[in-house]
All heavy atoms as atom14 arrays in JSON, in Angstrom:
{
  "sequence": "IFSIYAMGWYRQAPGKQRELVARITSRGYVNYADSVKG",
  "atom14_mask": [
    [1, 1, 1, 1, 1, 1, 1, 1, 0, 0, 0, 0, 0, 0],
    [1, 1, 1, 1, 1, 1, 1, 1, 1, 1, 1, 0, 0, 0],
    [1, 1, 1, 1, 1, 1, 0, 0, 0, 0, 0, 0, 0, 0],
    [1, 1, 1, 1, 1, 1, 1, 1, 0, 0, 0, 0, 0, 0],
    [1, 1, 1, 1, 1, 1, 1, 1, 1, 1, 1, 1, 0, 0],
    [1, 1, 1, 1, 1, 0, 0, 0, 0, 0, 0, 0, 0, 0],
    [1, 1, 1, 1, 1, 1, 1, 1, 0, 0, 0, 0, 0, 0],
    [1, 1, 1, 1, 0, 0, 0, 0, 0, 0, 0, 0, 0, 0],
    [1, 1, 1, 1, 1, 1, 1, 1, 1, 1, 1, 1, 1, 1],
    [1, 1, 1, 1, 1, 1, 1, 1, 1, 1, 1, 1, 0, 0],
    [1, 1, 1, 1, 1, 1, 1, 1, 1, 1, 1, 0, 0, 0],
    [1, 1, 1, 1, 1, 1, 1, 1, 1, 0, 0, 0, 0, 0],
    [1, 1, 1, 1, 1, 0, 0, 0, 0, 0, 0, 0, 0, 0],
    [1, 1, 1, 1, 1, 1, 1, 0, 0, 0, 0, 0, 0, 0],
    [1, 1, 1, 1, 0, 0, 0, 0, 0, 0, 0, 0, 0, 0],
    [1, 1, 1, 1, 1, 1, 1, 1, 1, 0, 0, 0, 0, 0],
    [1, 1, 1, 1, 1, 1, 1, 1, 1, 0, 0, 0, 0, 0],
    [1, 1, 1, 1, 1, 1, 1, 1, 1, 1, 1, 0, 0, 0],
    [1, 1, 1, 1, 1, 1, 1, 1, 1, 0, 0, 0, 0, 0],
    [1, 1, 1, 1, 1, 1, 1, 1, 0, 0, 0, 0, 0, 0],
    [1, 1, 1, 1, 1, 1, 1, 0, 0, 0, 0, 0, 0, 0],
    [1, 1, 1, 1, 1, 0, 0, 0, 0, 0, 0, 0, 0, 0],
    [1, 1, 1, 1, 1, 1, 1, 1, 1, 1, 1, 0, 0, 0],
    [1, 1, 1, 1, 1, 1, 1, 1, 0, 0, 0, 0, 0, 0],
    [1, 1, 1, 1, 1, 1, 1, 0, 0, 0, 0, 0, 0, 0],
    [1, 1, 1, 1, 1, 1, 0, 0, 0, 0, 0, 0, 0, 0],
    [1, 1, 1, 1, 1, 1, 1, 1, 1, 1, 1, 0, 0, 0],
    [1, 1, 1, 1, 0, 0, 0, 0, 0, 0, 0, 0, 0, 0],
    [1, 1, 1, 1, 1, 1, 1, 1, 1, 1, 1, 1, 0, 0],
    [1, 1, 1, 1, 1, 1, 1, 0, 0, 0, 0, 0, 0, 0],
    [1, 1, 1, 1, 1, 1, 1, 1, 0, 0, 0, 0, 0, 0],
    [1, 1, 1, 1, 1, 1, 1, 1, 1, 1, 1, 1, 0, 0],
    [1, 1, 1, 1, 1, 0, 0, 0, 0, 0, 0, 0, 0, 0],
    [1, 1, 1, 1, 1, 1, 1, 1, 0, 0, 0, 0, 0, 0],
    [1, 1, 1, 1, 1, 1, 0, 0, 0, 0, 0, 0, 0, 0],
    [1, 1, 1, 1, 1, 1, 1, 0, 0, 0, 0, 0, 0, 0],
    [1, 1, 1, 1, 1, 1, 1, 1, 1, 0, 0, 0, 0, 0],
    [1, 1, 1, 1, 0, 0, 0, 0, 0, 0, 0, 0, 0, 0]
  ],
  "atom14_positions": [
    [[15.15, 11.95, 6.94], [13.96, 11.29, 7.39], [13.62, 11.75, 8.88], [14.53, 11.48, 9.68], [14.01, 9.82, 7.36], [14.34, 9.3, 5.91], [12.69, 9.16, 7.84], [14.66, 7.82, 5.79], [0.0, 0.0, 0.0], [0.0, 0.0, 0.0], [0.0, 0.0, 0.0], [0.0, 0.0, 0.0], [0.0, 0.0, 0.0], [0.0, 0.0, 0.0]],
    [[12.56, 12.35, 9.08], [12.2, 12.81, 10.41], [11.04, 11.94, 10.94], [11.08, 11.52, 12.05], [11.86, 14.24, 10.37], [13.0, 15.21, 9.99], [13.08, 15.69, 8.67], [13.94, 15.44, 10.87], [14.1, 16.4, 8.28], [15.1, 16.23, 10.45], [15.09, 16.82, 9.16], [0.0, 0.0, 0.0], [0.0, 0.0, 0.0], [0.0, 0.0, 0.0]],
    [[10.08, 11.77, 10.18], [8.96, 10.98, 10.61], [8.24, 10.42, 9.46], [7.76, 11.14, 8.52], [8.04, 11.89, 11.37], [6.85, 11.12, 11.86], [0.0, 0.0, 0.0], [0.0, 0.0, 0.0], [0.0, 0.0, 0.0], [0.0, 0.0, 0.0], [0.0, 0.0, 0.0], [0.0, 0.0, 0.0], [0.0, 0.0, 0.0], [0.0, 0.0, 0.0]],
    [[8.1, 9.07, 9.37], [7.47, 8.48, 8.26], [6.03, 8.21, 8.76], [5.71, 7.49, 9.62], [8.09, 7.14, 7.85], [9.54, 7.33, 7.47], [7.29, 6.46, 6.79], [10.28, 6.05, 7.22], [0.0, 0.0, 0.0], [0.0, 0.0, 0.0], [0.0, 0.0, 0.0], [0.0, 0.0, 0.0], [0.0, 0.0, 0.0], [0.0, 0.0, 0.0]],
    [[5.06, 8.87, 8.12], [3.66, 8.79, 8.51], [3.11, 7.48, 8.07], [2.5, 6.64, 8.84], [2.77, 9.94, 8.0], [1.44, 9.65, 8.19], [0.85, 9.69, 9.51], [0.58, 9.38, 7.13], [-0.51, 9.46, 9.77], [-0.78, 9.03, 7.41], [-1.32, 9.08, 8.74], [-2.68, 8.91, 8.89], [0.0, 0.0, 0.0], [0.0, 0.0, 0.0]],
    [[3.29, 7.16, 6.8], [2.74, 5.82, 6.31], [3.67, 5.33, 5.25], [4.41, 6.13, 4.54], [1.36, 6.0, 5.73], [0.0, 0.0, 0.0], [0.0, 0.0, 0.0], [0.0, 0.0, 0.0], [0.0, 0.0, 0.0], [0.0, 0.0, 0.0], [0.0, 0.0, 0.0], [0.0, 0.0, 0.0], [0.0, 0.0, 0.0], [0.0, 0.0, 0.0]],
    [[3.59, 4.02, 4.93], [4.41, 3.42, 3.93], [3.37, 2.53, 3.23], [2.59, 1.76, 3.75], [5.48, 2.61, 4.56], [6.57, 2.1, 3.52], [6.02, 0.56, 2.75], [6.22, -0.55, 4.19], [0.0, 0.0, 0.0], [0.0, 0.0, 0.0], [0.0, 0.0, 0.0], [0.0, 0.0, 0.0], [0.0, 0.0, 0.0], [0.0, 0.0, 0.0]],
    [[3.54, 2.51, 1.81], [2.65, 1.66, 1.08], [3.33, 0.97, -0.04], [4.45, 1.41, -0.46], [0.0, 0.0, 0.0], [0.0, 0.0, 0.0], [0.0, 0.0, 0.0], [0.0, 0.0, 0.0], [0.0, 0.0, 0.0], [0.0, 0.0, 0.0], [0.0, 0.0, 0.0], [0.0, 0.0, 0.0], [0.0, 0.0, 0.0], [0.0, 0.0, 0.0]],
    [[2.74, -0.07, -0.51], [3.25, -0.75, -1.72], [2.16, -0.67, -2.75], [0.96, -0.9, -2.51], [3.49, -2.29, -1.35], [4.65, -2.44, -0.53], [4.78, -2.56, 0.84], [6.05, -2.62, -1.02], [5.99, -2.67, 1.17], [6.88, -2.73, 0.1], [6.63, -2.52, -2.19], [8.24, -2.9, -0.01], [8.11, -2.67, -2.32], [8.84, -2.83, -1.2]],
    [[2.61, -0.42, -3.99], [1.74, -0.23, -5.17], [2.31, -1.14, -6.21], [3.47, -1.53, -6.16], [1.65, 1.26, -5.55], [1.07, 2.15, -4.54], [1.73, 2.53, -3.45], [-0.18, 2.68, -4.75], [1.19, 3.4, -2.57], [-0.83, 3.53, -3.83], [-0.06, 3.87, -2.71], [-0.63, 4.76, -1.77], [0.0, 0.0, 0.0], [0.0, 0.0, 0.0]],
    [[1.42, -1.43, -7.18], [2.01, -2.2, -8.35], [1.36, -1.68, -9.64], [0.2, -1.17, -9.63], [1.71, -3.67, -8.13], [0.18, -4.1, -8.12], [0.11, -5.59, -7.79], [-1.34, -6.01, -7.83], [-1.68, -7.21, -7.35], [-0.79, -8.08, -6.94], [-3.03, -7.54, -7.36], [0.0, 0.0, 0.0], [0.0, 0.0, 0.0], [0.0, 0.0, 0.0]],
    [[1.99, -1.91, -10.66], [1.5, -1.58, -12.0], [1.88, -2.65, -12.99], [3.11, -2.94, -13.26], [2.14, -0.25, -12.49], [1.53, 0.31, -13.73], [1.91, 1.76, -13.99], [2.87, 2.28, -13.36], [1.11, 2.44, -14.8], [0.0, 0.0, 0.0], [0.0, 0.0, 0.0], [0.0, 0.0, 0.0], [0.0, 0.0, 0.0], [0.0, 0.0, 0.0]],
    [[0.85, -3.25, -13.5], [1.01, -4.28, -14.59], [1.02, -3.59, -15.93], [0.42, -2.38, -16.04], [-0.12, -5.28, -14.42], [0.0, 0.0, 0.0], [0.0, 0.0, 0.0], [0.0, 0.0, 0.0], [0.0, 0.0, 0.0], [0.0, 0.0, 0.0], [0.0, 0.0, 0.0], [0.0, 0.0, 0.0], [0.0, 0.0, 0.0], [0.0, 0.0, 0.0]],
    [[1.52, -4.25, -16.95], [1.56, -3.63, -18.26], [0.06, -3.32, -18.72], [-0.79, -4.13, -18.65], [2.01, -4.76, -19.17], [2.98, -5.51, -18.18], [2.25, -5.5, -16.87], [0.0, 0.0, 0.0], [0.0, 0.0, 0.0], [0.0, 0.0, 0.0], [0.0, 0.0, 0.0], [0.0, 0.0, 0.0], [0.0, 0.0, 0.0], [0.0, 0.0, 0.0]],
    [[-0.01, -2.03, -19.21], [-1.37, -1.54, -19.7], [-2.41, -1.26, -18.62], [-3.54, -0.96, -19.04], [0.0, 0.0, 0.0], [0.0, 0.0, 0.0], [0.0, 0.0, 0.0], [0.0, 0.0, 0.0], [0.0, 0.0, 0.0], [0.0, 0.0, 0.0], [0.0, 0.0, 0.0], [0.0, 0.0, 0.0], [0.0, 0.0, 0.0], [0.0, 0.0, 0.0]],
    [[-2.0, -1.29, -17.4], [-2.87, -1.03, -16.34], [-2.39, 0.16, -15.48], [-1.29, 0.46, -15.54], [-3.11, -2.26, -15.45], [-3.82, -3.4, -16.17], [-4.08, -4.52, -15.27], [-4.8, -5.71, -15.85], [-5.19, -6.73, -14.96], [0.0, 0.0, 0.0], [0.0, 0.0, 0.0], [0.0, 0.0, 0.0], [0.0, 0.0, 0.0], [0.0, 0.0, 0.0]],
    [[-3.41, 0.68, -14.72], [-2.92, 1.8, -13.87], [-2.3, 1.25, -12.65], [-2.6, 0.12, -12.26], [-4.22, 2.58, -13.43], [-4.85, 3.36, -14.58], [-5.95, 4.35, -14.07], [-6.64, 4.07, -13.2], [-6.13, 5.45, -14.81], [0.0, 0.0, 0.0], [0.0, 0.0, 0.0], [0.0, 0.0, 0.0], [0.0, 0.0, 0.0], [0.0, 0.0, 0.0]],
    [[-1.53, 2.16, -11.98], [-0.93, 1.78, -10.7], [-1.92, 1.64, -9.69], [-2.79, 2.52, -9.56], [0.13, 2.81, -10.31], [1.02, 2.39, -9.18], [2.19, 3.41, -8.85], [3.08, 3.49, -10.02], [4.16, 4.26, -10.04], [4.58, 4.9, -8.98], [4.93, 4.24, -11.11], [0.0, 0.0, 0.0], [0.0, 0.0, 0.0], [0.0, 0.0, 0.0]],
    [[-1.86, 0.61, -8.86], [-2.87, 0.35, -7.81], [-2.22, 0.08, -6.43], [-1.13, -0.37, -6.35], [-3.76, -0.83, -8.19], [-3.07, -2.16, -8.24], [-3.96, -3.33, -8.5], [-5.19, -3.22, -8.67], [-3.36, -4.44, -8.68], [0.0, 0.0, 0.0], [0.0, 0.0, 0.0], [0.0, 0.0, 0.0], [0.0, 0.0, 0.0], [0.0, 0.0, 0.0]],
    [[-2.99, 0.49, -5.45], [-2.55, 0.2, -4.06], [-2.62, -1.31, -3.79], [-3.69, -1.94, -4.07], [-3.37, 0.96, -3.07], [-3.16, 0.66, -1.59], [-1.79, 1.23, -1.15], [-4.33, 1.32, -0.74], [0.0, 0.0, 0.0], [0.0, 0.0, 0.0], [0.0, 0.0, 0.0], [0.0, 0.0, 0.0], [0.0, 0.0, 0.0], [0.0, 0.0, 0.0]],
    [[-1.59, -1.82, -3.2], [-1.52, -3.23, -2.76], [-1.76, -3.24, -1.23], [-2.63, -4.02, -0.77], [-0.25, -3.92, -3.12], [-0.14, -5.33, -2.55], [0.06, -3.79, -4.59], [0.0, 0.0, 0.0], [0.0, 0.0, 0.0], [0.0, 0.0, 0.0], [0.0, 0.0, 0.0], [0.0, 0.0, 0.0], [0.0, 0.0, 0.0], [0.0, 0.0, 0.0]],
    [[-1.0, -2.43, -0.53], [-1.11, -2.47, 0.95], [-0.53, -1.17, 1.51], [0.42, -0.66, 0.93], [-0.37, -3.72, 1.55], [0.0, 0.0, 0.0], [0.0, 0.0, 0.0], [0.0, 0.0, 0.0], [0.0, 0.0, 0.0], [0.0, 0.0, 0.0], [0.0, 0.0, 0.0], [0.0, 0.0, 0.0], [0.0, 0.0, 0.0], [0.0, 0.0, 0.0]],
    [[-0.98, -0.79, 2.66], [-0.53, 0.43, 3.28], [-0.58, 0.28, 4.78], [-1.52, -0.31, 5.31], [-1.3, 1.6, 2.75], [-0.93, 2.97, 3.39], [-1.85, 4.09, 2.72], [-1.57, 5.39, 3.28], [-2.12, 5.98, 4.29], [-3.04, 5.38, 4.94], [-1.78, 7.27, 4.65], [0.0, 0.0, 0.0], [0.0, 0.0, 0.0], [0.0, 0.0, 0.0]],
    [[0.49, 0.85, 5.49], [0.51, 0.77, 6.93], [0.92, 2.17, 7.41], [1.82, 2.71, 6.92], [1.5, -0.27, 7.42], [1.5, -0.47, 8.88], [2.88, -0.08, 6.88], [2.24, -1.66, 9.39], [0.0, 0.0, 0.0], [0.0, 0.0, 0.0], [0.0, 0.0, 0.0], [0.0, 0.0, 0.0], [0.0, 0.0, 0.0], [0.0, 0.0, 0.0]],
    [[0.26, 2.62, 8.39], [0.52, 3.95, 9.02], [1.38, 3.86, 10.22], [1.74, 2.71, 10.63], [-0.82, 4.66, 9.45], [-1.28, 3.91, 10.61], [-1.84, 4.66, 8.36], [0.0, 0.0, 0.0], [0.0, 0.0, 0.0], [0.0, 0.0, 0.0], [0.0, 0.0, 0.0], [0.0, 0.0, 0.0], [0.0, 0.0, 0.0], [0.0, 0.0, 0.0]],
    [[1.83, 4.89, 10.73], [2.82, 4.95, 11.85], [2.08, 4.27, 13.06], [2.76, 3.87, 14.0], [3.2, 6.34, 12.1], [2.11, 7.15, 12.4], [0.0, 0.0, 0.0], [0.0, 0.0, 0.0], [0.0, 0.0, 0.0], [0.0, 0.0, 0.0], [0.0, 0.0, 0.0], [0.0, 0.0, 0.0], [0.0, 0.0, 0.0], [0.0, 0.0, 0.0]],
    [[0.79, 4.27, 13.1], [0.12, 3.81, 14.31], [-0.25, 2.28, 14.1], [-0.87, 1.68, 14.91], [-1.18, 4.53, 14.56], [-0.83, 5.97, 14.99], [-2.11, 6.65, 15.53], [-1.8, 7.94, 16.11], [-2.68, 8.7, 16.77], [-3.88, 8.31, 16.91], [-2.34, 9.88, 17.19], [0.0, 0.0, 0.0], [0.0, 0.0, 0.0], [0.0, 0.0, 0.0]],
    [[0.23, 1.72, 12.89], [-0.06, 0.36, 12.64], [-1.29, -0.01, 11.95], [-1.67, -1.16, 11.8], [0.0, 0.0, 0.0], [0.0, 0.0, 0.0], [0.0, 0.0, 0.0], [0.0, 0.0, 0.0], [0.0, 0.0, 0.0], [0.0, 0.0, 0.0], [0.0, 0.0, 0.0], [0.0, 0.0, 0.0], [0.0, 0.0, 0.0], [0.0, 0.0, 0.0]],
    [[-2.04, 1.05, 11.51], [-3.25, 0.81, 10.77], [-2.94, 0.32, 9.35], [-2.13, 0.86, 8.73], [-4.17, 2.02, 10.7], [-5.43, 1.78, 9.88], [-6.48, 1.23, 10.39], [-5.46, 2.23, 8.55], [-7.63, 1.0, 9.62], [-6.57, 2.05, 7.8], [-7.73, 1.41, 8.28], [-8.78, 1.22, 7.56], [0.0, 0.0, 0.0], [0.0, 0.0, 0.0]],
    [[-3.62, -0.87, 9.01], [-3.19, -1.51, 7.8], [-4.45, -1.67, 6.88], [-5.48, -1.96, 7.36], [-2.56, -2.86, 8.05], [-2.26, -3.59, 6.78], [-1.36, -2.78, 8.85], [0.0, 0.0, 0.0], [0.0, 0.0, 0.0], [0.0, 0.0, 0.0], [0.0, 0.0, 0.0], [0.0, 0.0, 0.0], [0.0, 0.0, 0.0], [0.0, 0.0, 0.0]],
    [[-4.22, -1.47, 5.57], [-5.28, -1.8, 4.66], [-4.73, -2.53, 3.45], [-3.55, -2.15, 3.08], [-6.12, -0.62, 4.31], [-5.47, 0.48, 3.6], [-4.54, 1.06, 4.12], [-5.83, 0.67, 2.32], [0.0, 0.0, 0.0], [0.0, 0.0, 0.0], [0.0, 0.0, 0.0], [0.0, 0.0, 0.0], [0.0, 0.0, 0.0], [0.0, 0.0, 0.0]],
    [[-5.4, -3.43, 2.89], [-5.0, -4.23, 1.79], [-6.02, -4.13, 0.65], [-7.24, -4.03, 0.8], [-4.89, -5.68, 2.16], [-3.83, -6.02, 3.11], [-4.11, -6.07, 4.54], [-2.48, -6.27, 2.71], [-3.11, -6.38, 5.4], [-1.52, -6.57, 3.67], [-1.83, -6.58, 5.0], [-0.88, -6.87, 5.92], [0.0, 0.0, 0.0], [0.0, 0.0, 0.0]],
    [[-5.52, -4.29, -0.57], [-6.33, -4.51, -1.74], [-7.1, -5.83, -1.59], [-6.48, -6.87, -1.01], [-5.58, -4.54, -2.99], [0.0, 0.0, 0.0], [0.0, 0.0, 0.0], [0.0, 0.0, 0.0], [0.0, 0.0, 0.0], [0.0, 0.0, 0.0], [0.0, 0.0, 0.0], [0.0, 0.0, 0.0], [0.0, 0.0, 0.0], [0.0, 0.0, 0.0]],
    [[-8.38, -5.94, -1.98], [-9.09, -7.22, -1.83], [-8.39, -8.32, -2.49], [-8.44, -9.43, -1.91], [-10.52, -6.98, -2.45], [-11.4, -6.1, -1.56], [-11.07, -5.93, -0.41], [-12.37, -5.7, -2.08], [0.0, 0.0, 0.0], [0.0, 0.0, 0.0], [0.0, 0.0, 0.0], [0.0, 0.0, 0.0], [0.0, 0.0, 0.0], [0.0, 0.0, 0.0]],
    [[-7.73, -8.09, -3.53], [-7.06, -9.13, -4.36], [-5.94, -9.86, -3.59], [-5.46, -10.92, -4.06], [-6.58, -8.63, -5.73], [-5.74, -7.56, -5.55], [0.0, 0.0, 0.0], [0.0, 0.0, 0.0], [0.0, 0.0, 0.0], [0.0, 0.0, 0.0], [0.0, 0.0, 0.0], [0.0, 0.0, 0.0], [0.0, 0.0, 0.0], [0.0, 0.0, 0.0]],
    [[-5.39, -9.15, -2.59], [-4.2, -9.73, -1.86], [-4.42, -10.03, -0.47], [-3.63, -10.61, 0.31], [-3.04, -8.74, -1.98], [-2.73, -8.38, -3.42], [-3.24, -7.52, -1.11], [0.0, 0.0, 0.0], [0.0, 0.0, 0.0], [0.0, 0.0, 0.0], [0.0, 0.0, 0.0], [0.0, 0.0, 0.0], [0.0, 0.0, 0.0], [0.0, 0.0, 0.0]],
    [[-5.75, -9.83, 0.03], [-6.05, -10.1, 1.42], [-5.84, -11.58, 1.78], [-6.26, -12.48, 0.94], [-7.42, -9.72, 1.73], [-7.65, -8.17, 1.92], [-9.06, -7.85, 2.2], [-9.24, -6.39, 2.39], [-10.67, -6.05, 2.68], [0.0, 0.0, 0.0], [0.0, 0.0, 0.0], [0.0, 0.0, 0.0], [0.0, 0.0, 0.0], [0.0, 0.0, 0.0]],
    [[-5.14, -11.87, 2.83], [-4.91, -13.27, 3.17], [-3.69, -13.88, 2.64], [-3.24, -14.93, 3.01], [0.0, 0.0, 0.0], [0.0, 0.0, 0.0], [0.0, 0.0, 0.0], [0.0, 0.0, 0.0], [0.0, 0.0, 0.0], [0.0, 0.0, 0.0], [0.0, 0.0, 0.0], [0.0, 0.0, 0.0], [0.0, 0.0, 0.0], [0.0, 0.0, 0.0]]
  ]
}
């Protein structure tokens, strides 16, 4: 590991595609799926 640019969490429910849950970059920029915000 030299430098982690971004780290994200994804999820996959049975019969569904994998989807982004949340992601954070090395500069702290964060985005969330609407379904988990808050």
